Structures are given as C-alpha cells and as structure tokens.
Amino acid sequence: MFWVLIFAGIAVAGLIVTISYAVWLWHKASDLFSEVEMLGQRVEELTALLSQIEPTPPEQLPSRRSQPGVGR
C-alpha cells in the first residue's frame, strides 16, 4: 500500500511542476506579445518619419561622368 502513496506523491509533484511551467510560459508569452506590440509602434513611427523624406529629383543629382576617377 506504500507504493500507492509514492505514486500519488509523484503525480502531485508532476502536477505542481506542470502548473508552474504553464504560469512561467504564460508570463513569457505576455512579455513577447508586449514586445511585438512595441515593435508595431516603432514601425508606425518609422513609416511616419520615412513619409516625410522627399527624394532628390534626378536633375539635381551630380553627374557621375563629371567626377574623374569614378568607376575605376
């Protein structure tokens, strides 16, 4: 009859470990989701900044042929 108590103790210990692991995993997942949310905010900020950039028209770019030694 003593073996029943041993197996019950092992089962209870396994249950405690499983619940502890589930709680730890839940906390890690919530941390990950908050980081993904922050990344989304940073992407929105980056797109807002990039939308303010005006490209230089090709006519205003320096000619590559006028610079000696370029491409050698």
C-alpha atoms as a PDB file:
ATOM      1  CA  MET A   1       0.000   0.000   0.000  1.00  0.00           C
ATOM      2  CA  PHE A   2       3.012   2.242   0.466  1.00  0.00           C
ATOM      3  CA  TRP A   3       3.648   2.249  -3.308  1.00  0.00           C
ATOM      4  CA  VAL A   4       0.255   3.952  -3.840  1.00  0.00           C
ATOM      5  CA  LEU A   5       1.407   6.884  -1.722  1.00  0.00           C
ATOM      6  CA  ILE A   6       4.675   7.066  -3.647  1.00  0.00           C
ATOM      7  CA  PHE A   7       2.894   7.176  -6.998  1.00  0.00           C
ATOM      8  CA  ALA A   8       0.364   9.709  -5.689  1.00  0.00           C
ATOM      9  CA  GLY A   9       3.250  11.888  -4.448  1.00  0.00           C
ATOM     10  CA  ILE A  10       4.952  11.672  -7.840  1.00  0.00           C
ATOM     11  CA  ALA A  11       1.675  12.582  -9.562  1.00  0.00           C
ATOM     12  CA  VAL A  12       1.126  15.593  -7.275  1.00  0.00           C
ATOM     13  CA  ALA A  13       4.719  16.740  -7.816  1.00  0.00           C
ATOM     14  CA  GLY A  14       4.272  16.394 -11.581  1.00  0.00           C
ATOM     15  CA  LEU A  15       1.053  18.391 -11.431  1.00  0.00           C
ATOM     16  CA  ILE A  16       2.766  21.161  -9.470  1.00  0.00           C
ATOM     17  CA  VAL A  17       5.655  21.270 -11.941  1.00  0.00           C
ATOM     18  CA  THR A  18       3.251  21.341 -14.894  1.00  0.00           C
ATOM     19  CA  ILE A  19       1.224  24.202 -13.394  1.00  0.00           C
ATOM     20  CA  SER A  20       4.399  26.122 -12.539  1.00  0.00           C
ATOM     21  CA  TYR A  21       5.678  25.685 -16.077  1.00  0.00           C
ATOM     22  CA  ALA A  22       2.335  26.846 -17.508  1.00  0.00           C
ATOM     23  CA  VAL A  23       2.422  30.010 -15.374  1.00  0.00           C
ATOM     24  CA  TRP A  24       6.032  30.702 -16.388  1.00  0.00           C
ATOM     25  CA  LEU A  25       5.174  30.147 -20.049  1.00  0.00           C
ATOM     26  CA  TRP A  26       2.158  32.469 -19.769  1.00  0.00           C
ATOM     27  CA  HIS A  27       4.368  35.241 -18.387  1.00  0.00           C
ATOM     28  CA  LYS A  28       6.924  34.748 -21.146  1.00  0.00           C
ATOM     29  CA  ALA A  29       4.197  34.822 -23.811  1.00  0.00           C
ATOM     30  CA  SER A  30       2.743  38.044 -22.400  1.00  0.00           C
ATOM     31  CA  ASP A  31       6.235  39.587 -22.435  1.00  0.00           C
ATOM     32  CA  LEU A  32       6.657  38.516 -26.037  1.00  0.00           C
ATOM     33  CA  PHE A  33       3.291  39.987 -27.037  1.00  0.00           C
ATOM     34  CA  SER A  34       4.139  43.304 -25.385  1.00  0.00           C
ATOM     35  CA  GLU A  35       7.449  43.385 -27.289  1.00  0.00           C
ATOM     36  CA  VAL A  36       5.631  42.679 -30.563  1.00  0.00           C
ATOM     37  CA  GLU A  37       3.197  45.493 -29.769  1.00  0.00           C
ATOM     38  CA  MET A  38       6.123  47.860 -29.113  1.00  0.00           C
ATOM     39  CA  LEU A  39       7.703  46.773 -32.384  1.00  0.00           C
ATOM     40  CA  GLY A  40       4.463  47.668 -34.177  1.00  0.00           C
ATOM     41  CA  GLN A  41       4.529  51.124 -32.631  1.00  0.00           C
ATOM     42  CA  ARG A  42       8.144  51.605 -33.718  1.00  0.00           C
ATOM     43  CA  VAL A  43       7.239  50.551 -37.266  1.00  0.00           C
ATOM     44  CA  GLU A  44       4.437  53.134 -37.303  1.00  0.00           C
ATOM     45  CA  GLU A  45       6.874  55.805 -36.111  1.00  0.00           C
ATOM     46  CA  LEU A  46       9.394  54.773 -38.760  1.00  0.00           C
ATOM     47  CA  THR A  47       6.819  54.905 -41.551  1.00  0.00           C
ATOM     48  CA  ALA A  48       5.742  58.366 -40.363  1.00  0.00           C
ATOM     49  CA  LEU A  49       9.358  59.535 -40.480  1.00  0.00           C
ATOM     50  CA  LEU A  50      10.026  57.930 -43.857  1.00  0.00           C
ATOM     51  CA  SER A  51       6.927  59.526 -45.342  1.00  0.00           C
ATOM     52  CA  GLN A  52       8.459  62.935 -44.592  1.00  0.00           C
ATOM     53  CA  ILE A  53      11.510  62.251 -46.766  1.00  0.00           C
ATOM     54  CA  GLU A  54      11.405  63.875 -50.195  1.00  0.00           C
ATOM     55  CA  PRO A  55      13.659  62.227 -52.777  1.00  0.00           C
ATOM     56  CA  THR A  56      16.052  64.382 -54.799  1.00  0.00           C
ATOM     57  CA  PRO A  57      14.987  64.728 -58.443  1.00  0.00           C
ATOM     58  CA  PRO A  58      17.437  63.112 -60.900  1.00  0.00           C
ATOM     59  CA  GLU A  59      18.179  66.506 -62.484  1.00  0.00           C
ATOM     60  CA  GLN A  60      19.684  67.740 -59.210  1.00  0.00           C
ATOM     61  CA  LEU A  61      21.941  64.710 -58.679  1.00  0.00           C
ATOM     62  CA  PRO A  62      25.624  65.167 -59.614  1.00  0.00           C
ATOM     63  CA  SER A  63      26.661  63.562 -62.856  1.00  0.00           C
ATOM     64  CA  ARG A  64      28.946  60.568 -62.478  1.00  0.00           C
ATOM     65  CA  ARG A  65      30.823  61.470 -65.668  1.00  0.00           C
ATOM     66  CA  SER A  66      31.883  64.837 -64.316  1.00  0.00           C
ATOM     67  CA  GLN A  67      33.836  63.230 -61.476  1.00  0.00           C
ATOM     68  CA  PRO A  68      37.294  61.997 -62.507  1.00  0.00           C
ATOM     69  CA  GLY A  69      38.328  58.598 -61.281  1.00  0.00           C
ATOM     70  CA  VAL A  70      34.826  57.302 -60.574  1.00  0.00           C
ATOM     71  CA  GLY A  71      34.317  53.672 -61.535  1.00  0.00           C
ATOM     72  CA  ARG A  72      37.974  52.799 -61.898  1.00  0.00           C
END
